[in-house]
Amino acid sequence: MLQVLRSWVDRYFSDEEAVVLLILIGASLVFISLWGDIMAPVIASVILAYVLQGFIAYLVSKGMNNKAAIYSSYILFLGVVFGFIFSVMPLVWRQLSSLVGDAPNILNNLKSHIFTLQEDYSHIITISELDALVQQATGEVANFGQWLVSQSIEGVPVFITAMIYLIVVPLLVFFFVKDRDSIVNSIVGILPKNRRLMTQVWEEMNLQFANYVRGKFVEIAVVGGTTYIGFIFMGLNYGALLAILVGLSVVIPYIGAILVTIPVALIALFQFGLHEEFYYVMLIFLVIQVIDGNVLVPLLFSEVVNLHPAVIIVSVLFFGGIWGVWGVFFAIPLATMIKAVVTAWPRRGGVETSI
């Protein structure tokens, strides 16, 4: 038994650089787990800097000098951020407040539809069981409304934190973009000189991580924007709120699209009933999801997401359970990193591993 274990360790852990890489990855994960909340502005700034770097590279490729490209991209970034904060967010907040106020009416309307269907499927669920479910849902909505009111009244610390982030994050983004080369060189300077494996993994991860983050932001904007246009065309209430939910749902592969279908269907059912407008809304929603999954995702992530769907779902559940929203967002890059490390890991005896 010991001989087998010794042989396994000798095969996979005889390379010093590989062991150092494993220690660095482990230390980074522990650091994020312990201080991720504190470092949230830094993490957000790095993500936004990655997004801007792609646009900067595009401007440079079109003949603009690097300095002008940086400042032009940053001004555009500020315009988008402040435009979203001062135009979109107030609209979404008003719609959310209105939705909470309409929630009892929506539930009563839904209840009548459900009880009508129950008469045809009484062998599946009884009236008492159905009534208990409706009462539970009503209680959850009431609790959410109370929580929303309490957050509005007692949200001064949250507001102050948001204002601090609003100042700190744009500043960090500017410095990360402006001094990108010097920051990268400083980090590289503290790494071991013999870093062939680290360089191989980093080059693959840097390309895939950057493409994934930029692609995901584009996907959120396109899916959310087209959904908003479709819902406004149909006159659906809470169009902006639902469009943002649909846009953000693409962050969670497969699962997000299923979850966001529920509020879209409920609100459309409440407003239109089982009439043709309801089916048109659901058709628009379905078409957008199909185009996203079969056209947009392959176009944006064809060179990034080379993972089995089961691996993606497990990664979302695993990393989301550890790091919450951040874990969900970075589930695919983290899974890709693990795959890159396993593929590049040096082995004695010429054993090849593929995922």
Protein backbone atom coordinates (compact mmCIF):
# COMPACT_ATOMS: atom_id res chain seq x y z
CA MET A 1 0.00 0.00 0.00
CA LEU A 2 2.77 2.42 0.95
CA GLN A 3 4.65 1.49 -2.20
CA VAL A 4 1.62 2.34 -4.35
CA LEU A 5 1.18 5.67 -2.53
CA ARG A 6 4.90 6.45 -2.86
CA SER A 7 4.79 5.65 -6.57
CA TRP A 8 1.74 7.91 -7.06
CA VAL A 9 3.38 10.82 -5.20
CA ASP A 10 6.61 10.34 -7.14
CA ARG A 11 4.72 10.36 -10.45
CA TYR A 12 2.64 13.49 -9.86
CA PHE A 13 4.53 15.56 -7.26
CA SER A 14 8.19 15.13 -8.17
CA ASP A 15 8.30 18.46 -10.03
CA GLU A 16 9.09 21.32 -7.62
CA GLU A 17 7.46 23.96 -9.82
CA ALA A 18 4.22 21.98 -9.89
CA VAL A 19 4.18 21.81 -6.09
CA VAL A 20 4.82 25.57 -5.85
CA LEU A 21 1.97 26.22 -8.31
CA LEU A 22 -0.36 24.04 -6.24
CA ILE A 23 0.60 25.95 -3.08
CA LEU A 24 0.02 29.32 -4.77
CA ILE A 25 -3.40 28.27 -6.05
CA GLY A 26 -4.37 26.91 -2.63
CA ALA A 27 -3.16 30.07 -0.86
CA SER A 28 -5.10 32.26 -3.31
CA LEU A 29 -8.31 30.31 -2.74
CA VAL A 30 -7.90 30.51 1.04
CA PHE A 31 -7.22 34.25 0.82
CA ILE A 32 -10.37 34.82 -1.24
CA SER A 33 -12.42 32.67 1.14
CA LEU A 34 -11.26 34.59 4.21
CA TRP A 35 -11.09 38.13 2.87
CA GLY A 36 -13.25 38.01 -0.26
CA ASP A 37 -15.86 40.40 1.16
CA ILE A 38 -13.22 42.97 2.07
CA MET A 39 -11.54 42.64 -1.32
CA ALA A 40 -14.82 42.82 -3.26
CA PRO A 41 -14.08 46.31 -4.69
CA VAL A 42 -10.68 45.10 -5.89
CA ILE A 43 -12.15 41.97 -7.47
CA ALA A 44 -14.88 44.01 -9.17
CA SER A 45 -12.27 46.49 -10.43
CA VAL A 46 -10.12 43.71 -11.89
CA ILE A 47 -13.16 42.30 -13.72
CA LEU A 48 -14.09 45.70 -15.16
CA ALA A 49 -10.46 46.33 -16.13
CA TYR A 50 -10.47 43.06 -18.06
CA VAL A 51 -13.59 44.18 -19.90
CA LEU A 52 -12.07 47.56 -20.77
CA GLN A 53 -8.76 46.02 -21.85
CA GLY A 54 -10.48 44.28 -24.74
CA PHE A 55 -11.96 47.56 -25.97
CA ILE A 56 -8.60 49.31 -25.53
CA ALA A 57 -6.88 46.62 -27.61
CA TYR A 58 -9.55 47.07 -30.30
CA LEU A 59 -8.99 50.86 -30.44
CA VAL A 60 -5.22 50.39 -30.62
CA SER A 61 -5.64 47.90 -33.48
CA LYS A 62 -7.58 50.60 -35.35
CA GLY A 63 -4.66 53.04 -35.14
CA MET A 64 -5.32 54.95 -31.90
CA ASN A 65 -2.33 55.34 -29.60
CA ASN A 66 -2.44 53.45 -26.31
CA LYS A 67 -2.83 56.48 -24.03
CA ALA A 68 -5.73 57.92 -26.03
CA ALA A 69 -7.37 54.47 -26.14
CA ILE A 70 -7.12 54.14 -22.35
CA TYR A 71 -8.68 57.54 -21.66
CA SER A 72 -11.38 57.12 -24.31
CA SER A 73 -12.35 53.70 -22.92
CA TYR A 74 -12.39 55.02 -19.37
CA ILE A 75 -14.62 57.98 -20.24
CA LEU A 76 -17.01 55.60 -22.01
CA PHE A 77 -16.95 53.33 -18.95
CA LEU A 78 -17.85 56.22 -16.64
CA GLY A 79 -20.65 57.28 -18.96
CA VAL A 80 -22.15 53.78 -18.97
CA VAL A 81 -21.84 53.38 -15.19
CA PHE A 82 -23.39 56.72 -14.26
CA GLY A 83 -26.02 56.41 -16.98
CA PHE A 84 -27.05 53.05 -15.52
CA ILE A 85 -27.09 54.38 -11.95
CA PHE A 86 -29.08 57.53 -12.63
CA SER A 87 -31.46 56.28 -15.34
CA VAL A 88 -31.93 52.51 -15.12
CA MET A 89 -31.67 51.93 -11.37
CA PRO A 90 -34.42 54.43 -10.36
CA LEU A 91 -36.76 52.81 -12.92
CA VAL A 92 -35.97 49.32 -11.63
CA TRP A 93 -36.48 50.42 -8.02
CA ARG A 94 -39.88 51.94 -8.83
CA GLN A 95 -40.93 48.78 -10.63
CA LEU A 96 -39.72 46.60 -7.76
CA SER A 97 -41.66 48.68 -5.23
CA SER A 98 -44.75 48.52 -7.44
CA LEU A 99 -44.35 44.75 -7.82
CA VAL A 100 -44.21 44.27 -4.05
CA GLY A 101 -47.40 46.31 -3.72
CA ASP A 102 -49.12 44.26 -6.43
CA ALA A 103 -47.89 40.93 -5.08
CA PRO A 104 -51.11 40.09 -3.14
CA ASN A 105 -53.22 40.74 -6.26
CA ILE A 106 -50.84 38.66 -8.37
CA LEU A 107 -51.07 35.77 -5.91
CA ASN A 108 -54.86 35.96 -5.75
CA ASN A 109 -55.05 35.97 -9.53
CA LEU A 110 -52.63 33.06 -9.72
CA LYS A 111 -54.62 31.25 -7.05
CA SER A 112 -57.79 31.44 -9.13
CA HIS A 113 -55.97 30.04 -12.18
CA ILE A 114 -54.43 27.24 -10.13
CA PHE A 115 -57.72 26.26 -8.52
CA THR A 116 -59.31 26.17 -11.98
CA LEU A 117 -56.60 23.78 -13.16
CA GLN A 118 -56.90 21.76 -9.95
CA GLU A 119 -60.46 20.82 -10.82
CA ASP A 120 -59.10 18.98 -13.86
CA TYR A 121 -56.20 17.38 -11.97
CA SER A 122 -57.74 16.68 -8.57
CA HIS A 123 -56.15 13.23 -8.53
CA ILE A 124 -52.68 14.83 -8.37
CA ILE A 125 -53.16 17.44 -5.63
CA THR A 126 -56.04 18.16 -3.25
CA ILE A 127 -57.65 21.51 -2.49
CA SER A 128 -56.23 21.57 1.04
CA GLU A 129 -52.68 20.86 -0.17
CA LEU A 130 -52.97 23.53 -2.84
CA ASP A 131 -54.37 26.06 -0.39
CA ALA A 132 -51.47 25.38 2.00
CA LEU A 133 -48.96 26.04 -0.79
CA VAL A 134 -50.67 29.30 -1.75
CA GLN A 135 -50.76 30.45 1.88
CA GLN A 136 -47.06 29.67 2.24
CA ALA A 137 -46.25 31.62 -0.93
CA THR A 138 -48.32 34.56 0.34
CA GLY A 139 -46.40 34.53 3.61
CA GLU A 140 -43.05 34.51 1.80
CA VAL A 141 -44.09 37.47 -0.34
CA ALA A 142 -45.23 39.37 2.76
CA ASN A 143 -41.90 38.66 4.46
CA PHE A 144 -40.03 39.89 1.38
CA GLY A 145 -42.10 43.09 1.36
CA GLN A 146 -41.30 43.72 5.03
CA TRP A 147 -37.62 43.07 4.36
CA LEU A 148 -37.66 45.51 1.44
CA VAL A 149 -39.26 48.22 3.58
CA SER A 150 -36.76 47.63 6.40
CA GLN A 151 -33.88 47.85 3.92
CA SER A 152 -35.25 51.16 2.66
CA ILE A 153 -35.50 52.57 6.19
CA GLU A 154 -32.37 51.07 7.71
CA GLY A 155 -30.24 51.06 4.60
CA VAL A 156 -28.03 54.05 5.50
CA PRO A 157 -24.89 51.90 6.07
CA VAL A 158 -25.55 50.09 2.79
CA PHE A 159 -25.97 53.43 1.02
CA ILE A 160 -22.70 54.73 2.48
CA THR A 161 -20.91 51.53 1.42
CA ALA A 162 -22.35 51.86 -2.08
CA MET A 163 -21.14 55.46 -2.30
CA ILE A 164 -17.65 54.39 -1.21
CA TYR A 165 -17.64 51.65 -3.85
CA LEU A 166 -18.85 54.18 -6.41
CA ILE A 167 -15.71 56.22 -5.75
CA VAL A 168 -13.17 53.46 -5.10
CA VAL A 169 -14.04 51.07 -7.93
CA PRO A 170 -13.73 53.59 -10.82
CA LEU A 171 -10.41 54.81 -9.38
CA LEU A 172 -9.06 51.26 -9.12
CA VAL A 173 -10.27 50.47 -12.63
CA PHE A 174 -8.40 53.50 -13.98
CA PHE A 175 -5.13 52.54 -12.27
CA PHE A 176 -5.43 48.86 -13.21
CA VAL A 177 -5.92 49.80 -16.86
CA LYS A 178 -3.37 52.62 -16.94
CA ASP A 179 -0.60 50.75 -15.07
CA ARG A 180 -1.45 47.25 -16.26
CA ASP A 181 2.03 46.37 -17.52
CA SER A 182 3.86 47.59 -14.42
CA ILE A 183 1.42 45.77 -12.10
CA VAL A 184 1.83 42.50 -14.03
CA ASN A 185 5.62 42.86 -14.05
CA SER A 186 5.65 43.47 -10.29
CA ILE A 187 3.65 40.29 -9.67
CA VAL A 188 5.83 38.29 -12.04
CA GLY A 189 8.93 39.58 -10.24
CA ILE A 190 8.05 37.79 -6.98
CA LEU A 191 7.42 34.44 -8.68
CA PRO A 192 10.13 31.76 -9.01
CA LYS A 193 12.49 32.22 -11.95
CA ASN A 194 11.82 28.70 -13.16
CA ARG A 195 8.14 29.01 -14.00
CA ARG A 196 7.55 27.19 -17.27
CA LEU A 197 4.45 25.42 -15.93
CA MET A 198 3.11 28.61 -14.31
CA THR A 199 3.61 30.53 -17.55
CA GLN A 200 1.83 27.83 -19.55
CA VAL A 201 -1.17 27.75 -17.20
CA TRP A 202 -1.26 31.55 -16.87
CA GLU A 203 -1.20 32.21 -20.62
CA GLU A 204 -4.09 29.81 -21.19
CA MET A 205 -6.06 31.09 -18.21
CA ASN A 206 -5.42 34.77 -18.95
CA LEU A 207 -6.76 34.40 -22.49
CA GLN A 208 -9.78 32.33 -21.48
CA PHE A 209 -10.58 34.37 -18.38
CA ALA A 210 -10.44 37.67 -20.28
CA ASN A 211 -12.56 36.33 -23.15
CA TYR A 212 -15.06 34.81 -20.72
CA VAL A 213 -15.52 37.99 -18.67
CA ARG A 214 -15.85 40.22 -21.74
CA GLY A 215 -18.15 37.75 -23.45
CA LYS A 216 -20.33 37.40 -20.37
CA PHE A 217 -20.80 41.18 -20.10
CA VAL A 218 -21.74 41.32 -23.79
CA GLU A 219 -24.17 38.41 -23.32
CA ILE A 220 -25.83 40.08 -20.32
CA ALA A 221 -26.23 43.35 -22.25
CA VAL A 222 -27.57 41.71 -25.43
CA VAL A 223 -29.97 39.30 -23.70
CA GLY A 224 -31.20 41.94 -21.25
CA GLY A 225 -31.55 44.60 -23.95
CA THR A 226 -33.44 42.43 -26.44
CA THR A 227 -35.69 41.12 -23.66
CA TYR A 228 -36.52 44.68 -22.58
CA ILE A 229 -37.40 45.65 -26.16
CA GLY A 230 -39.61 42.58 -26.54
CA PHE A 231 -41.41 43.11 -23.23
CA ILE A 232 -41.97 46.81 -23.89
CA PHE A 233 -43.34 45.97 -27.35
CA MET A 234 -45.85 43.63 -25.69
CA GLY A 235 -46.67 46.20 -22.99
CA LEU A 236 -45.64 43.83 -20.19
CA ASN A 237 -45.54 45.43 -16.75
CA TYR A 238 -42.22 45.57 -14.88
CA GLY A 239 -40.38 45.21 -18.20
CA ALA A 240 -37.11 46.76 -17.00
CA LEU A 241 -37.02 44.67 -13.81
CA LEU A 242 -37.73 41.44 -15.67
CA ALA A 243 -35.22 42.29 -18.42
CA ILE A 244 -32.46 42.77 -15.85
CA LEU A 245 -33.36 39.45 -14.23
CA VAL A 246 -33.28 37.71 -17.61
CA GLY A 247 -29.95 39.36 -18.46
CA LEU A 248 -28.37 38.36 -15.16
CA SER A 249 -29.74 34.82 -15.48
CA VAL A 250 -27.10 34.05 -18.12
CA VAL A 251 -24.49 34.19 -15.35
CA ILE A 252 -25.82 30.81 -14.14
CA PRO A 253 -25.62 28.43 -17.12
CA TYR A 254 -28.71 26.28 -17.73
CA ILE A 255 -30.14 26.81 -14.23
CA GLY A 256 -30.59 30.59 -14.58
CA ALA A 257 -32.82 30.33 -17.65
CA ILE A 258 -35.10 27.87 -15.85
CA LEU A 259 -35.37 29.98 -12.70
CA VAL A 260 -36.08 33.28 -14.46
CA THR A 261 -38.91 31.69 -16.46
CA ILE A 262 -41.04 31.58 -13.29
CA PRO A 263 -41.35 35.37 -12.61
CA VAL A 264 -41.77 36.11 -16.33
CA ALA A 265 -44.59 33.58 -16.65
CA LEU A 266 -46.30 34.66 -13.41
CA ILE A 267 -46.36 38.37 -14.27
CA ALA A 268 -47.47 37.71 -17.85
CA LEU A 269 -50.21 35.41 -16.56
CA PHE A 270 -51.37 38.01 -14.03
CA GLN A 271 -51.49 40.79 -16.61
CA PHE A 272 -52.86 38.96 -19.66
CA GLY A 273 -54.42 35.79 -18.29
CA LEU A 274 -54.42 32.75 -20.57
CA HIS A 275 -54.99 34.90 -23.65
CA GLU A 276 -52.87 35.23 -26.77
CA GLU A 277 -50.75 38.07 -25.32
CA PHE A 278 -49.51 35.69 -22.61
CA TYR A 279 -48.37 33.17 -25.22
CA TYR A 280 -46.73 35.91 -27.31
CA VAL A 281 -44.70 37.06 -24.27
CA MET A 282 -43.60 33.51 -23.52
CA LEU A 283 -42.77 32.97 -27.21
CA ILE A 284 -40.57 36.09 -27.26
CA PHE A 285 -38.86 34.92 -24.08
CA LEU A 286 -38.33 31.43 -25.53
CA VAL A 287 -36.94 32.75 -28.83
CA ILE A 288 -34.43 34.95 -26.97
CA GLN A 289 -33.31 31.97 -24.87
CA VAL A 290 -32.92 29.78 -27.96
CA ILE A 291 -30.91 32.45 -29.81
CA ASP A 292 -28.76 32.97 -26.73
CA GLY A 293 -28.02 29.28 -26.31
CA ASN A 294 -27.55 28.37 -29.97
CA VAL A 295 -26.11 31.53 -31.54
CA LEU A 296 -24.79 34.01 -28.99
CA VAL A 297 -23.05 31.59 -26.60
CA PRO A 298 -21.21 29.64 -29.35
CA LEU A 299 -20.20 32.94 -30.97
CA LEU A 300 -18.84 34.47 -27.75
CA PHE A 301 -17.48 31.41 -25.95
CA SER A 302 -16.55 28.89 -28.65
CA GLU A 303 -12.89 29.03 -27.62
CA VAL A 304 -13.53 29.38 -23.89
CA VAL A 305 -16.18 26.95 -22.69
CA ASN A 306 -14.76 23.59 -23.74
CA LEU A 307 -16.39 21.77 -20.83
CA HIS A 308 -19.07 19.13 -20.57
CA PRO A 309 -22.48 20.53 -19.47
CA ALA A 310 -22.44 18.26 -16.40
CA VAL A 311 -19.06 19.73 -15.39
CA ILE A 312 -20.45 23.26 -15.80
CA ILE A 313 -23.51 22.55 -13.62
CA VAL A 314 -21.42 20.86 -10.90
CA SER A 315 -18.97 23.79 -10.98
CA VAL A 316 -21.79 26.32 -10.58
CA LEU A 317 -23.22 24.42 -7.61
CA PHE A 318 -19.84 23.80 -5.98
CA PHE A 319 -18.23 27.23 -6.34
CA GLY A 320 -21.56 29.01 -5.79
CA GLY A 321 -21.93 27.15 -2.50
CA ILE A 322 -18.46 28.27 -1.43
CA TRP A 323 -18.34 31.89 -2.65
CA GLY A 324 -21.95 32.78 -3.41
CA VAL A 325 -22.50 35.16 -6.34
CA TRP A 326 -18.79 35.44 -7.09
CA GLY A 327 -18.50 31.66 -7.18
CA VAL A 328 -21.40 31.39 -9.62
CA PHE A 329 -19.95 34.07 -11.90
CA PHE A 330 -16.46 32.52 -11.95
CA ALA A 331 -17.54 28.86 -11.92
CA ILE A 332 -16.62 28.29 -15.57
CA PRO A 333 -13.22 30.10 -15.43
CA LEU A 334 -12.35 28.22 -12.23
CA ALA A 335 -13.33 24.90 -13.79
CA THR A 336 -11.28 25.83 -16.86
CA MET A 337 -8.31 26.67 -14.61
CA ILE A 338 -8.55 23.26 -12.93
CA LYS A 339 -8.67 21.61 -16.34
CA ALA A 340 -5.65 23.62 -17.54
CA VAL A 341 -3.65 22.71 -14.43
CA VAL A 342 -4.53 19.01 -14.69
CA THR A 343 -3.70 18.94 -18.40
CA ALA A 344 -0.36 20.74 -17.99
CA TRP A 345 0.64 18.94 -14.78
CA PRO A 346 4.03 17.19 -15.25
CA ARG A 347 4.01 13.41 -14.79
CA ARG A 348 6.75 10.86 -14.76
CA GLY A 349 6.24 7.92 -17.05
CA GLY A 350 4.52 9.88 -19.84
CA VAL A 351 1.00 9.35 -18.54
CA GLU A 352 -1.42 11.71 -20.26
CA THR A 353 -4.61 12.97 -18.67
CA SER A 354 -7.51 14.69 -20.38
CA ILE A 355 -10.83 15.99 -19.12
